[in-house]
N, C-alpha and C. Protein backbone atom coordinates (compact mmCIF):
# COMPACT_ATOMS: atom_id res chain seq x y z
N ILE A 1 24.01 -117.84 15.33
CA ILE A 1 22.50 -118.11 16.25
C ILE A 1 23.19 -116.29 17.24
N ASP A 2 25.25 -116.63 17.66
CA ASP A 2 25.43 -115.90 18.68
C ASP A 2 25.15 -114.31 18.10
N ASN A 3 25.16 -113.74 17.35
CA ASN A 3 24.99 -112.48 17.26
C ASN A 3 23.71 -112.27 17.25
N GLY A 4 22.29 -112.91 17.14
CA GLY A 4 21.34 -112.51 17.11
C GLY A 4 21.35 -112.72 18.29
N ARG A 5 21.72 -113.64 19.71
CA ARG A 5 21.65 -113.33 21.24
C ARG A 5 22.79 -112.35 21.61
N THR A 6 23.24 -111.72 21.20
CA THR A 6 24.24 -110.43 21.45
C THR A 6 22.96 -109.33 21.20
N TYR A 7 22.80 -109.76 19.52
CA TYR A 7 21.92 -108.48 19.43
C TYR A 7 20.14 -107.86 20.53
N LEU A 8 20.09 -109.40 20.82
CA LEU A 8 18.48 -109.31 22.05
C LEU A 8 19.05 -109.14 23.15
N ARG A 9 20.37 -109.40 23.62
CA ARG A 9 20.90 -108.71 24.94
C ARG A 9 20.87 -107.27 25.06
N GLU A 10 21.55 -107.09 23.52
CA GLU A 10 21.81 -105.60 23.89
C GLU A 10 20.69 -104.63 23.51
N MET A 11 19.48 -105.53 22.94
CA MET A 11 18.17 -105.17 23.20
C MET A 11 17.21 -104.36 24.25
N VAL A 12 17.55 -105.69 25.10
CA VAL A 12 16.95 -105.68 26.26
C VAL A 12 17.50 -104.80 27.19
N PHE A 13 18.86 -104.77 27.28
CA PHE A 13 20.20 -104.10 28.58
C PHE A 13 20.38 -102.63 27.71
N GLY A 14 20.66 -102.41 26.86
CA GLY A 14 20.94 -101.65 26.31
C GLY A 14 20.23 -100.38 26.74
N ASP A 15 21.11 -99.23 26.09
CA ASP A 15 20.70 -97.61 26.24
C ASP A 15 19.39 -97.31 25.21
N PRO A 16 18.38 -97.02 25.39
CA PRO A 16 17.08 -97.12 24.35
C PRO A 16 17.52 -95.75 24.40
N GLU A 17 18.19 -94.79 24.41
CA GLU A 17 18.45 -93.68 23.72
C GLU A 17 19.15 -93.69 22.06
N GLU A 18 20.16 -94.87 22.57
CA GLU A 18 20.95 -95.48 20.98
C GLU A 18 19.79 -95.59 20.10
N PRO A 19 19.89 -95.00 18.83
CA PRO A 19 18.84 -95.34 17.71
C PRO A 19 18.80 -96.23 17.24
N ARG A 20 18.89 -97.35 17.15
CA ARG A 20 19.00 -99.01 16.63
C ARG A 20 18.48 -99.03 17.95
N HIS A 21 19.05 -98.95 18.82
CA HIS A 21 18.07 -99.77 20.36
C HIS A 21 16.32 -99.20 20.12
N GLY A 22 16.68 -98.16 20.20
CA GLY A 22 15.03 -97.45 19.94
C GLY A 22 14.30 -98.04 18.81
N ALA A 23 15.15 -98.41 18.10
CA ALA A 23 14.46 -99.75 16.54
C ALA A 23 13.92 -100.72 16.62
N ALA A 24 15.09 -101.03 17.49
CA ALA A 24 14.49 -102.69 17.77
C ALA A 24 14.19 -102.80 18.70
N LEU A 25 13.37 -102.21 19.79
CA LEU A 25 12.57 -101.80 20.88
C LEU A 25 11.11 -101.30 19.93
N ALA A 26 11.10 -100.51 18.66
CA ALA A 26 10.18 -100.47 18.35
C ALA A 26 9.17 -101.62 17.27
N ILE A 27 10.37 -102.72 17.02
CA ILE A 27 9.82 -103.86 16.42
C ILE A 27 9.53 -104.59 16.87
N VAL A 28 10.19 -104.73 18.73
CA VAL A 28 9.41 -105.38 19.61
C VAL A 28 7.30 -105.46 19.85
N ALA A 29 7.60 -103.26 20.03
CA ALA A 29 6.39 -103.05 20.56
C ALA A 29 5.53 -103.59 19.31
N GLN A 30 5.79 -103.44 18.09
CA GLN A 30 5.15 -103.89 16.92
C GLN A 30 4.47 -105.14 16.50
N THR A 31 5.45 -106.13 17.22
CA THR A 31 5.99 -107.84 17.04
C THR A 31 4.22 -107.94 18.37
N GLU A 32 4.66 -107.83 19.36
CA GLU A 32 3.68 -107.66 20.34
C GLU A 32 2.13 -106.93 20.14
N GLU A 33 1.86 -106.16 19.68
CA GLU A 33 0.89 -105.50 18.79
C GLU A 33 0.19 -106.48 18.30
N ALA A 34 1.28 -107.18 16.93
CA ALA A 34 0.91 -108.79 15.87
C ALA A 34 0.04 -109.70 17.21
N VAL A 35 0.68 -109.86 18.00
CA VAL A 35 0.53 -111.47 18.79
C VAL A 35 -0.73 -111.12 19.35
N ALA A 36 -1.13 -109.63 19.97
CA ALA A 36 -2.27 -109.16 20.97
C ALA A 36 -3.31 -109.20 19.65
N ALA A 37 -3.13 -108.70 18.66
CA ALA A 37 -4.21 -108.90 17.41
C ALA A 37 -4.53 -110.32 17.22
N VAL A 38 -4.32 -111.43 17.18
CA VAL A 38 -4.41 -112.65 16.90
C VAL A 38 -4.89 -112.94 18.11
N LEU A 39 -4.30 -113.09 19.58
CA LEU A 39 -4.97 -113.10 20.75
C LEU A 39 -6.29 -112.27 20.55
N ARG A 40 -6.48 -111.37 20.22
CA ARG A 40 -7.98 -110.94 20.68
C ARG A 40 -9.09 -111.69 19.43
N ARG A 41 -9.04 -112.17 18.67
CA ARG A 41 -9.50 -113.17 18.01
C ARG A 41 -9.86 -114.26 18.46
N ASP A 42 -9.33 -114.68 20.48
CA ASP A 42 -10.63 -115.80 20.63
C ASP A 42 -10.81 -115.29 21.87
N ASP A 43 -11.83 -116.06 21.53
CA ASP A 43 -13.20 -115.31 22.70
C ASP A 43 -12.92 -115.28 24.29
N ARG A 44 -11.83 -116.21 24.12
CA ARG A 44 -11.79 -116.86 25.61
C ARG A 44 -9.99 -115.66 26.31
N VAL A 45 -9.85 -115.21 25.11
CA VAL A 45 -9.11 -114.21 25.74
C VAL A 45 -9.80 -112.70 26.31
N ALA A 46 -9.67 -112.47 27.40
CA ALA A 46 -10.19 -110.58 27.64
C ALA A 46 -9.40 -109.44 26.80
N GLU A 47 -10.47 -108.40 26.38
CA GLU A 47 -9.89 -107.81 25.20
C GLU A 47 -8.68 -107.42 26.20
N GLY A 48 -8.45 -106.69 27.39
CA GLY A 48 -7.29 -106.33 28.07
C GLY A 48 -6.31 -107.24 28.59
N ASP A 49 -6.27 -108.75 28.39
CA ASP A 49 -5.32 -109.27 28.47
C ASP A 49 -4.75 -109.87 27.14
N ALA A 50 -5.12 -109.08 26.37
CA ALA A 50 -4.73 -109.35 24.96
C ALA A 50 -3.20 -109.23 24.98
N ALA A 51 -3.32 -107.81 25.08
CA ALA A 51 -1.38 -107.25 25.22
C ALA A 51 -0.79 -107.05 26.37
N THR A 52 -1.04 -107.62 27.53
CA THR A 52 -0.53 -108.49 28.59
C THR A 52 0.25 -109.82 28.29
N LEU A 53 -0.78 -110.68 27.59
CA LEU A 53 -0.35 -112.12 27.55
C LEU A 53 0.53 -112.05 25.95
N ALA A 54 0.54 -111.27 25.26
CA ALA A 54 1.22 -110.57 24.01
C ALA A 54 2.62 -110.23 24.63
N HIS A 55 2.92 -109.24 26.03
CA HIS A 55 4.34 -108.56 26.03
C HIS A 55 4.79 -110.30 26.74
N ILE A 56 4.51 -110.97 27.60
CA ILE A 56 4.61 -111.82 28.24
C ILE A 56 4.97 -113.47 27.54
N VAL A 57 4.52 -113.63 26.20
CA VAL A 57 4.89 -114.27 24.61
C VAL A 57 5.62 -113.56 24.10
N SER A 58 6.64 -112.52 24.61
CA SER A 58 7.41 -111.83 23.65
C SER A 58 8.72 -112.36 24.76
N ALA A 59 8.52 -112.18 26.15
CA ALA A 59 9.86 -111.92 26.84
C ALA A 59 9.99 -113.53 27.32
N VAL A 60 9.12 -113.98 26.70
CA VAL A 60 9.46 -115.77 26.71
C VAL A 60 10.73 -115.99 25.19
N MET A 61 9.93 -115.47 24.07
CA MET A 61 10.50 -115.45 22.68
C MET A 61 12.40 -114.95 23.41
N VAL A 62 12.10 -113.21 24.01
CA VAL A 62 13.84 -113.13 24.29
C VAL A 62 13.99 -114.05 25.10
N LEU A 63 13.70 -114.64 25.95
CA LEU A 63 14.72 -115.02 27.22
C LEU A 63 15.31 -116.11 26.44
N SER A 64 14.27 -116.87 25.36
CA SER A 64 14.12 -118.84 25.04
C SER A 64 15.66 -118.14 23.78
N MET A 65 15.60 -117.14 23.25
CA MET A 65 16.34 -117.54 22.48
C MET A 65 17.63 -116.45 22.85
N ALA A 66 17.71 -115.67 24.06
CA ALA A 66 19.47 -114.71 24.51
C ALA A 66 19.78 -115.95 25.44
N ALA A 67 19.47 -116.57 26.58
CA ALA A 67 19.42 -117.28 27.65
C ALA A 67 20.54 -118.05 27.02
N SER A 68 21.99 -118.19 27.97
CA SER A 68 23.11 -119.13 27.78
C SER A 68 22.96 -120.21 27.70
N VAL A 69 22.36 -120.59 28.74
CA VAL A 69 21.11 -122.30 28.69
C VAL A 69 21.09 -123.18 27.76
N ASN A 70 20.55 -121.81 26.59
CA ASN A 70 20.35 -122.79 25.75
C ASN A 70 21.51 -122.64 24.45
N LEU A 71 22.40 -122.40 24.78
CA LEU A 71 23.25 -122.23 23.40
C LEU A 71 23.37 -123.47 22.77
N ALA A 72 23.66 -124.55 23.61
CA ALA A 72 23.64 -126.24 22.18
C ALA A 72 22.50 -126.37 22.20
N LEU A 73 21.51 -125.21 21.70
CA LEU A 73 20.23 -126.41 21.71
C LEU A 73 20.01 -125.53 19.78
N SER A 74 19.23 -126.31 18.86
CA SER A 74 18.85 -125.97 17.76
C SER A 74 18.01 -124.71 17.56
N VAL A 75 17.46 -123.60 16.52
CA VAL A 75 16.29 -123.44 16.04
C VAL A 75 15.26 -124.04 16.31
N GLU A 76 15.20 -125.28 15.86
CA GLU A 76 14.34 -125.71 15.72
C GLU A 76 14.12 -125.79 17.38
N GLU A 77 14.96 -126.96 18.08
CA GLU A 77 14.89 -126.97 19.70
C GLU A 77 14.46 -125.27 20.51
N ILE A 78 14.71 -124.76 20.31
CA ILE A 78 14.31 -123.35 20.91
C ILE A 78 12.54 -122.96 20.55
N VAL A 79 12.63 -123.01 18.93
CA VAL A 79 10.87 -123.00 18.45
C VAL A 79 10.07 -124.10 19.58
N GLN A 80 10.40 -125.27 19.96
CA GLN A 80 9.93 -125.74 21.08
C GLN A 80 9.97 -125.43 22.83
N VAL A 81 11.01 -125.20 23.07
CA VAL A 81 11.04 -124.59 24.22
C VAL A 81 9.90 -123.33 24.19
N ILE A 82 10.37 -122.45 23.05
CA ILE A 82 9.07 -121.52 23.03
C ILE A 82 7.92 -122.19 23.17
N ARG A 83 7.59 -122.82 22.18
CA ARG A 83 6.16 -123.56 21.87
C ARG A 83 5.48 -124.02 23.42
N ARG A 84 6.20 -124.97 23.97
CA ARG A 84 6.16 -125.83 25.15
C ARG A 84 5.21 -124.13 26.39
N GLN A 85 6.04 -123.93 26.31
CA GLN A 85 5.79 -122.61 27.65
C GLN A 85 4.41 -121.62 27.01
N VAL A 86 4.69 -121.40 25.71
CA VAL A 86 3.51 -120.49 24.98
C VAL A 86 2.14 -121.39 25.37
N ASP A 87 2.31 -122.61 25.02
CA ASP A 87 1.09 -123.41 24.93
C ASP A 87 0.37 -123.74 26.98
N VAL A 88 1.65 -123.91 27.43
CA VAL A 88 0.85 -123.29 28.88
C VAL A 88 0.40 -122.17 29.77
N LEU A 89 0.73 -121.09 28.71
CA LEU A 89 -0.21 -119.65 28.76
C LEU A 89 -1.17 -119.52 28.72
N LEU A 90 -1.49 -120.04 27.48
CA LEU A 90 -2.22 -119.27 26.27
C LEU A 90 -3.74 -120.43 26.64
N PRO A 91 -4.73 -120.70 26.85
CA PRO A 91 -6.24 -121.35 27.01
C PRO A 91 -6.17 -121.86 25.94
N ARG A 92 -6.93 -122.78 26.40
CA ARG A 92 -6.57 -123.93 25.38
C ARG A 92 -8.39 -124.03 25.18
């Protein structure tokens, strides 16, 4: 988990011109597009809002996984932290 946190911090704050950093950001963009595609299936999510919501979900995920305040949490506990935040964000 610690290596993953270091990777996430580097992905967010590192040099985007560095090849591996660029590859990581491409994965983030692909993930956000996949989340946006799922959100577009819901009639309550406006077409223009899907990409913005996906970007916010991505930010919640990265911050929850990389934050030092969550160091003692298990993977399942971090998933629950993310789930609670996303539940508040998305329409029901």
